[in-house]
Amino acid sequence: MNFNTSFTGRDLLRIRLDALDPNRFNAPVTGTNMTRLAFDRTNDNDLDIGKFFYRFPVGDRLTLHIDAARGAYQANVSSTFNPGLASPISGVVSRFGRFNPIYYQGALGTGITGVYDIAPNLAFSAGYLSRAPGSNNPNDGGLFGSGYTALAQLDYRPTETWGLGLVYARSYYPSGNVAVSAGTGSRLSNAPFGGNVATSANHFGVQSTVKLGRANLSGWAGLSLATAESDRGLVDEGDDATLLNWAVTLGLPNLGGQGNLGGLVVGNPPRVLSNDGGADEDDATWHLEAFYRYRVNQNISLIPGFFVLINPENSSANDTIWVGSFRTVFEF
């Protein structure tokens, strides 16, 4: 349920109420979070606030976005460079296939994001999202005493058919709330030093999209440099871990009819390349995905799709996992 109010035509106040209970294809079900779907939030059908923000212009070039509940950078920055496929409802099947996982950093937080149009083909986005601490340890406080992510992005579009984005994020994860790969990679990549070791990370991303006729060819690469912020067991404060992910996507708008969309994704979800404080991962998971959105009419779409994980959890010892999906989307 959405409540939207526009005061001047350029500003927007939105409050969304959710009552959700979807099946979650995460680690307890499949043994890995790499099988997570694009939309899998659940609150056991208890009504709560799913989104609460206020967006408004400041002059002609700056727009501010204030998140009071469940903020997310993918909804705030100028672009995620994966047109059509990034939608959690009518886009790709998987969580990983939507966009560079760097945009999930700071998700569900409160804070502010600004987008400044430097020039017609150049935009700068910057924001800060904070989450409540994940433990009662007073030493686990990050900036302002909680987990947080500060993000900056430069969006350059030299032509109408090509866009390039450079993005950096600085994150702090309190003990008990570590999510370096934002639930898109292996369990080790999500917490390379263990879930009870406070961790910080510098995330770097480059992504691009180019329009080739009617098709959109997009892709990204993400590098995360994580650091242990406390001692625990074999982990020493200051230990470092390096993580990598990448993907290439193909979107085919109006495939077979107006409003339809075909999509393909291939890539490697986040994995640990090196780790001073523990194990690393020699094998890479291959993520292969396809879906098709068939628009029955203006209000109804049918979306079959599937994705395959070869070497899930970045281990060749694991069997290949297939995930199939069929969605019926009603839009009014």
Protein backbone atom coordinates (compact mmCIF):
# COMPACT_ATOMS: atom_id res chain seq x y z
CA MET A 1 0.00 0.00 0.00
CA ASN A 2 1.51 3.35 -1.11
CA PHE A 3 0.73 6.87 0.03
CA ASN A 4 2.27 9.46 -2.31
CA THR A 5 1.97 13.21 -1.94
CA SER A 6 3.47 15.80 -4.27
CA PHE A 7 3.55 19.39 -3.07
CA THR A 8 5.04 21.28 -6.02
CA GLY A 9 5.21 18.69 -8.77
CA ARG A 10 8.94 18.16 -8.23
CA ASP A 11 8.96 16.96 -4.64
CA LEU A 12 7.55 13.68 -3.34
CA LEU A 13 6.61 12.25 0.04
CA ARG A 14 6.08 8.47 0.02
CA ILE A 15 4.98 6.11 2.76
CA ARG A 16 4.64 2.45 1.82
CA LEU A 17 3.07 -0.15 4.11
CA ASP A 18 4.01 -3.81 3.61
CA ALA A 19 2.51 -7.12 4.69
CA LEU A 20 4.69 -9.79 3.07
CA ASP A 21 5.44 -13.49 3.39
CA PRO A 22 7.31 -14.72 0.27
CA ASN A 23 9.42 -17.87 0.17
CA ARG A 24 13.06 -16.90 0.74
CA PHE A 25 15.68 -18.82 -1.26
CA ASN A 26 18.58 -18.01 1.05
CA ALA A 27 21.20 -20.02 2.95
CA PRO A 28 18.83 -21.90 5.30
CA VAL A 29 16.91 -23.24 2.27
CA THR A 30 19.61 -23.84 -0.37
CA GLY A 31 22.88 -23.60 1.57
CA THR A 32 23.84 -20.29 -0.01
CA ASN A 33 22.67 -16.67 -0.22
CA MET A 34 23.62 -16.67 -3.90
CA THR A 35 20.13 -18.05 -4.60
CA ARG A 36 18.36 -15.01 -3.14
CA LEU A 37 15.64 -13.56 -5.33
CA ALA A 38 15.38 -9.96 -6.51
CA PHE A 39 12.56 -9.37 -4.04
CA ASP A 40 12.47 -11.54 -0.92
CA ARG A 41 11.62 -9.27 1.99
CA THR A 42 9.31 -10.87 4.54
CA ASN A 43 7.64 -9.64 7.73
CA ASP A 44 5.44 -12.73 8.27
CA ASN A 45 2.46 -10.74 6.99
CA ASP A 46 2.69 -8.26 9.86
CA LEU A 47 1.98 -4.76 8.57
CA ASP A 48 4.98 -2.43 8.83
CA ILE A 49 6.58 0.54 7.08
CA GLY A 50 8.25 -0.69 3.91
CA LYS A 51 9.40 2.73 2.71
CA PHE A 52 9.29 6.27 4.07
CA PHE A 53 11.11 9.11 2.31
CA TYR A 54 10.84 12.71 1.21
CA ARG A 55 12.49 13.91 -2.01
CA PHE A 56 12.65 17.58 -2.96
CA PRO A 57 14.63 19.95 -5.20
CA VAL A 58 17.02 22.62 -3.94
CA GLY A 59 17.42 25.03 -6.81
CA ASP A 60 17.58 23.85 -10.40
CA ARG A 61 20.44 21.33 -10.11
CA LEU A 62 20.32 19.69 -6.68
CA THR A 63 17.79 17.11 -5.47
CA LEU A 64 17.81 15.83 -1.89
CA HIS A 65 16.37 12.49 -0.82
CA ILE A 66 15.75 12.00 2.91
CA ASP A 67 15.10 8.42 4.05
CA ALA A 68 13.25 7.98 7.33
CA ALA A 69 12.85 4.18 6.99
CA ARG A 70 14.37 1.44 4.80
CA GLY A 71 16.53 3.69 2.66
CA ALA A 72 18.44 2.20 -0.29
CA TYR A 73 21.02 3.78 -2.57
CA GLN A 74 19.70 2.03 -5.67
CA ALA A 75 16.57 4.17 -5.36
CA ASN A 76 18.46 7.37 -4.58
CA VAL A 77 21.46 7.75 -6.92
CA SER A 78 21.25 9.05 -10.48
CA SER A 79 21.47 5.55 -12.03
CA THR A 80 22.42 1.92 -11.38
CA PHE A 81 23.34 1.38 -15.07
CA ASN A 82 21.21 -1.71 -15.69
CA PRO A 83 18.03 -0.34 -17.31
CA GLY A 84 14.93 -2.52 -17.11
CA LEU A 85 16.64 -5.44 -15.41
CA ALA A 86 17.14 -3.68 -12.06
CA SER A 87 13.44 -3.66 -11.10
CA PRO A 88 12.81 -5.99 -8.12
CA ILE A 89 9.26 -6.68 -9.31
CA SER A 90 9.44 -6.90 -13.11
CA GLY A 91 13.18 -7.28 -13.79
CA VAL A 92 15.69 -10.09 -13.24
CA VAL A 93 14.98 -13.12 -11.06
CA SER A 94 18.03 -12.91 -8.77
CA ARG A 95 19.24 -10.39 -6.22
CA PHE A 96 22.76 -10.42 -7.70
CA GLY A 97 21.56 -9.77 -11.26
CA ARG A 98 19.93 -6.41 -10.51
CA PHE A 99 23.07 -4.24 -10.33
CA ASN A 100 26.52 -3.88 -8.76
CA PRO A 101 26.14 -5.07 -5.12
CA ILE A 102 27.75 -1.80 -4.00
CA TYR A 103 24.28 -0.20 -4.25
CA TYR A 104 22.94 -2.57 -1.58
CA GLN A 105 25.42 -1.19 0.94
CA GLY A 106 23.67 0.74 3.71
CA ALA A 107 20.30 -0.76 2.74
CA LEU A 108 17.42 -0.43 5.22
CA GLY A 109 19.07 2.61 6.77
CA THR A 110 18.10 6.18 7.49
CA GLY A 111 19.94 9.16 6.07
CA ILE A 112 20.23 11.57 3.19
CA THR A 113 21.33 11.42 -0.45
CA GLY A 114 21.90 14.29 -2.82
CA VAL A 115 22.10 14.27 -6.63
CA TYR A 116 23.72 17.29 -8.27
CA ASP A 117 23.56 17.88 -12.04
CA ILE A 118 26.99 19.32 -12.79
CA ALA A 119 26.23 19.50 -16.51
CA PRO A 120 23.62 18.01 -18.87
CA ASN A 121 25.76 14.88 -19.25
CA LEU A 122 27.40 14.75 -15.80
CA ALA A 123 25.83 14.09 -12.39
CA PHE A 124 27.29 13.60 -8.91
CA SER A 125 25.50 11.60 -6.19
CA ALA A 126 26.55 11.46 -2.54
CA GLY A 127 24.84 10.06 0.51
CA TYR A 128 25.00 8.64 4.01
CA LEU A 129 22.81 5.83 5.36
CA SER A 130 23.05 4.58 8.93
CA ARG A 131 21.69 1.46 10.64
CA ALA A 132 21.28 0.63 14.33
CA PRO A 133 24.19 -1.27 15.91
CA GLY A 134 24.09 -5.03 15.57
CA SER A 135 25.26 -5.72 19.13
CA ASN A 136 25.39 -4.21 22.60
CA ASN A 137 29.18 -3.89 22.55
CA PRO A 138 30.00 -0.17 22.97
CA ASN A 139 33.21 -0.71 20.97
CA ASP A 140 31.18 -1.73 17.92
CA GLY A 141 30.00 1.79 17.14
CA GLY A 142 30.93 3.17 13.74
CA LEU A 143 30.31 6.72 12.56
CA PHE A 144 27.61 8.18 14.85
CA GLY A 145 27.74 4.92 16.84
CA SER A 146 26.18 2.53 14.30
CA GLY A 147 26.72 0.62 11.11
CA TYR A 148 26.78 2.96 8.14
CA THR A 149 27.66 3.43 4.47
CA ALA A 150 28.78 6.70 2.89
CA LEU A 151 28.63 6.61 -0.92
CA ALA A 152 29.70 8.86 -3.81
CA GLN A 153 29.05 8.35 -7.53
CA LEU A 154 29.98 10.15 -10.73
CA ASP A 155 27.58 9.52 -13.63
CA TYR A 156 28.98 10.49 -17.05
CA ARG A 157 26.90 10.24 -20.24
CA PRO A 158 28.94 11.47 -23.22
CA THR A 159 26.24 10.42 -25.69
CA GLU A 160 22.56 9.56 -25.55
CA THR A 161 23.43 5.86 -25.97
CA TRP A 162 26.34 5.42 -23.53
CA GLY A 163 26.70 5.92 -19.80
CA LEU A 164 29.61 5.33 -17.42
CA GLY A 165 29.52 5.33 -13.63
CA LEU A 166 32.31 5.42 -11.03
CA VAL A 167 31.22 4.76 -7.46
CA TYR A 168 32.92 4.51 -4.06
CA ALA A 169 31.41 3.46 -0.74
CA ARG A 170 32.82 3.34 2.78
CA SER A 171 31.02 0.95 5.12
CA TYR A 172 31.24 -0.05 8.76
CA TYR A 173 29.55 -3.23 10.04
CA PRO A 174 29.15 -3.77 13.79
CA SER A 175 29.72 -7.21 15.28
CA GLY A 176 26.70 -9.38 14.58
CA ASN A 177 25.64 -7.33 11.54
CA VAL A 178 28.44 -7.91 9.03
CA ALA A 179 27.38 -7.92 5.35
CA VAL A 180 30.37 -7.03 3.19
CA SER A 181 28.83 -8.53 0.02
CA ALA A 182 25.29 -7.46 0.98
CA GLY A 183 23.95 -11.01 0.79
CA THR A 184 24.81 -11.50 -2.88
CA GLY A 185 27.92 -13.67 -2.61
CA SER A 186 29.20 -16.59 -0.56
CA ARG A 187 28.85 -16.72 3.21
CA LEU A 188 32.60 -16.14 3.48
CA SER A 189 32.43 -13.04 1.26
CA ASN A 190 29.64 -11.66 3.41
CA ALA A 191 31.73 -11.99 6.60
CA PRO A 192 35.38 -12.76 5.68
CA PHE A 193 36.53 -12.55 9.33
CA GLY A 194 33.38 -14.05 10.83
CA GLY A 195 30.07 -12.47 11.71
CA ASN A 196 31.17 -11.52 15.23
CA VAL A 197 34.15 -9.41 14.15
CA ALA A 198 33.38 -5.74 13.54
CA THR A 199 34.45 -5.00 9.97
CA SER A 200 34.96 -1.98 7.75
CA ALA A 201 35.26 -1.95 3.96
CA ASN A 202 36.13 0.30 1.07
CA HIS A 203 34.06 -0.60 -1.99
CA PHE A 204 34.95 0.47 -5.54
CA GLY A 205 32.71 0.03 -8.56
CA VAL A 206 32.72 0.80 -12.24
CA GLN A 207 29.65 0.18 -14.37
CA SER A 208 28.48 1.07 -17.83
CA THR A 209 25.55 0.72 -20.17
CA VAL A 210 25.40 1.18 -23.92
CA LYS A 211 22.39 1.09 -26.22
CA LEU A 212 22.96 -1.06 -29.30
CA GLY A 213 19.96 -0.53 -31.51
CA ARG A 214 17.04 -1.75 -29.40
CA ALA A 215 19.26 -3.69 -26.99
CA ASN A 216 20.94 -2.49 -23.79
CA LEU A 217 24.35 -4.00 -23.05
CA SER A 218 25.41 -3.29 -19.47
CA GLY A 219 27.95 -4.50 -16.96
CA TRP A 220 29.89 -3.82 -13.81
CA ALA A 221 32.94 -4.77 -11.78
CA GLY A 222 33.19 -4.38 -8.02
CA LEU A 223 36.21 -4.53 -5.70
CA SER A 224 35.87 -4.55 -1.91
CA LEU A 225 38.76 -4.13 0.53
CA ALA A 226 37.62 -5.29 3.98
CA THR A 227 39.43 -4.76 7.29
CA ALA A 228 38.92 -6.45 10.67
CA GLU A 229 38.20 -3.83 13.33
CA SER A 230 38.65 -6.11 16.36
CA ASP A 231 40.49 -9.24 17.52
CA ARG A 232 38.74 -12.58 17.76
CA GLY A 233 40.25 -16.05 17.65
CA LEU A 234 42.75 -16.23 14.79
CA VAL A 235 41.67 -12.81 13.49
CA ASP A 236 43.77 -9.79 14.43
CA GLU A 237 42.60 -6.20 14.23
CA GLY A 238 43.86 -4.78 10.94
CA ASP A 239 43.67 -8.04 8.97
CA ASP A 240 42.62 -7.40 5.37
CA ALA A 241 40.53 -9.28 2.81
CA THR A 242 40.01 -8.56 -0.90
CA LEU A 243 36.74 -9.39 -2.68
CA LEU A 244 35.77 -9.22 -6.36
CA ASN A 245 32.55 -9.50 -8.38
CA TRP A 246 31.51 -8.70 -11.95
CA ALA A 247 28.65 -9.22 -14.39
CA VAL A 248 27.54 -8.49 -17.95
CA THR A 249 23.83 -8.11 -18.75
CA LEU A 250 21.78 -7.82 -21.92
CA GLY A 251 18.33 -6.24 -21.93
CA LEU A 252 16.03 -6.60 -24.93
CA PRO A 253 13.10 -4.13 -24.63
CA ASN A 254 9.94 -4.79 -26.63
CA LEU A 255 11.11 -8.27 -27.57
CA GLY A 256 8.15 -9.89 -29.30
CA GLY A 257 5.83 -6.97 -28.60
CA GLN A 258 5.44 -3.54 -27.02
CA GLY A 259 6.18 -3.56 -23.30
CA ASN A 260 7.86 -6.97 -23.28
CA LEU A 261 11.42 -7.42 -22.03
CA GLY A 262 14.00 -10.17 -22.38
CA GLY A 263 17.09 -10.32 -20.19
CA LEU A 264 20.35 -12.24 -19.80
CA VAL A 265 22.95 -12.09 -17.01
CA VAL A 266 26.36 -13.73 -16.71
CA GLY A 267 28.93 -13.05 -14.02
CA ASN A 268 30.78 -14.01 -10.85
CA PRO A 269 29.10 -13.10 -7.53
CA PRO A 270 31.39 -11.77 -4.77
CA ARG A 271 34.22 -14.03 -3.66
CA VAL A 272 37.25 -13.66 -1.39
CA LEU A 273 40.49 -13.49 -3.38
CA SER A 274 42.80 -13.08 -0.37
CA ASN A 275 42.30 -13.00 3.40
CA ASP A 276 44.83 -12.29 6.16
CA GLY A 277 42.36 -13.37 8.83
CA GLY A 278 41.06 -16.64 7.41
CA ALA A 279 40.22 -18.62 4.29
CA ASP A 280 40.03 -17.40 0.73
CA GLU A 281 38.21 -18.87 -2.29
CA ASP A 282 40.10 -20.36 -5.23
CA ASP A 283 36.99 -21.25 -7.24
CA ALA A 284 34.50 -18.79 -8.70
CA THR A 285 30.75 -19.23 -8.91
CA TRP A 286 29.32 -18.73 -12.38
CA HIS A 287 25.92 -17.05 -12.37
CA LEU A 288 23.90 -17.58 -15.57
CA GLU A 289 20.40 -16.11 -15.80
CA ALA A 290 17.58 -15.53 -18.28
CA PHE A 291 14.03 -14.18 -18.02
CA TYR A 292 11.24 -12.88 -20.22
CA ARG A 293 8.52 -10.41 -19.30
CA TYR A 294 5.40 -10.83 -21.41
CA ARG A 295 2.98 -7.93 -21.12
CA VAL A 296 -0.53 -9.31 -21.35
CA ASN A 297 -2.04 -5.84 -21.16
CA GLN A 298 -1.38 -2.48 -19.50
CA ASN A 299 -1.94 -3.95 -16.02
CA ILE A 300 -0.77 -7.58 -16.15
CA SER A 301 2.61 -9.14 -16.99
CA LEU A 302 3.79 -12.76 -16.94
CA ILE A 303 7.50 -13.29 -16.16
CA PRO A 304 9.08 -16.75 -16.41
CA GLY A 305 12.78 -16.98 -15.65
CA PHE A 306 15.60 -19.00 -14.14
CA PHE A 307 19.21 -18.79 -13.07
CA VAL A 308 21.99 -21.35 -12.65
CA LEU A 309 24.84 -21.34 -10.14
CA ILE A 310 27.90 -23.35 -11.17
CA ASN A 311 30.30 -23.88 -8.23
CA PRO A 312 27.90 -22.31 -5.69
CA GLU A 313 29.54 -20.80 -2.60
CA ASN A 314 32.66 -20.42 -4.77
CA SER A 315 33.48 -24.12 -4.43
CA SER A 316 33.77 -26.67 -7.24
CA ALA A 317 32.91 -29.37 -4.66
CA ASN A 318 29.29 -28.13 -4.59
CA ASP A 319 26.64 -29.32 -7.01
CA THR A 320 25.15 -26.93 -9.56
CA ILE A 321 21.97 -25.18 -8.36
CA TRP A 322 19.05 -24.32 -10.62
CA VAL A 323 16.44 -21.78 -9.53
CA GLY A 324 13.24 -21.32 -11.56
CA SER A 325 10.70 -18.55 -11.16
CA PHE A 326 7.31 -17.56 -12.54
CA ARG A 327 5.78 -14.21 -11.61
CA THR A 328 2.43 -12.69 -12.38
CA VAL A 329 2.62 -8.93 -11.87
CA PHE A 330 -0.48 -6.76 -11.45
CA GLU A 331 0.07 -3.00 -11.81
CA PHE A 332 -2.68 -0.43 -11.31
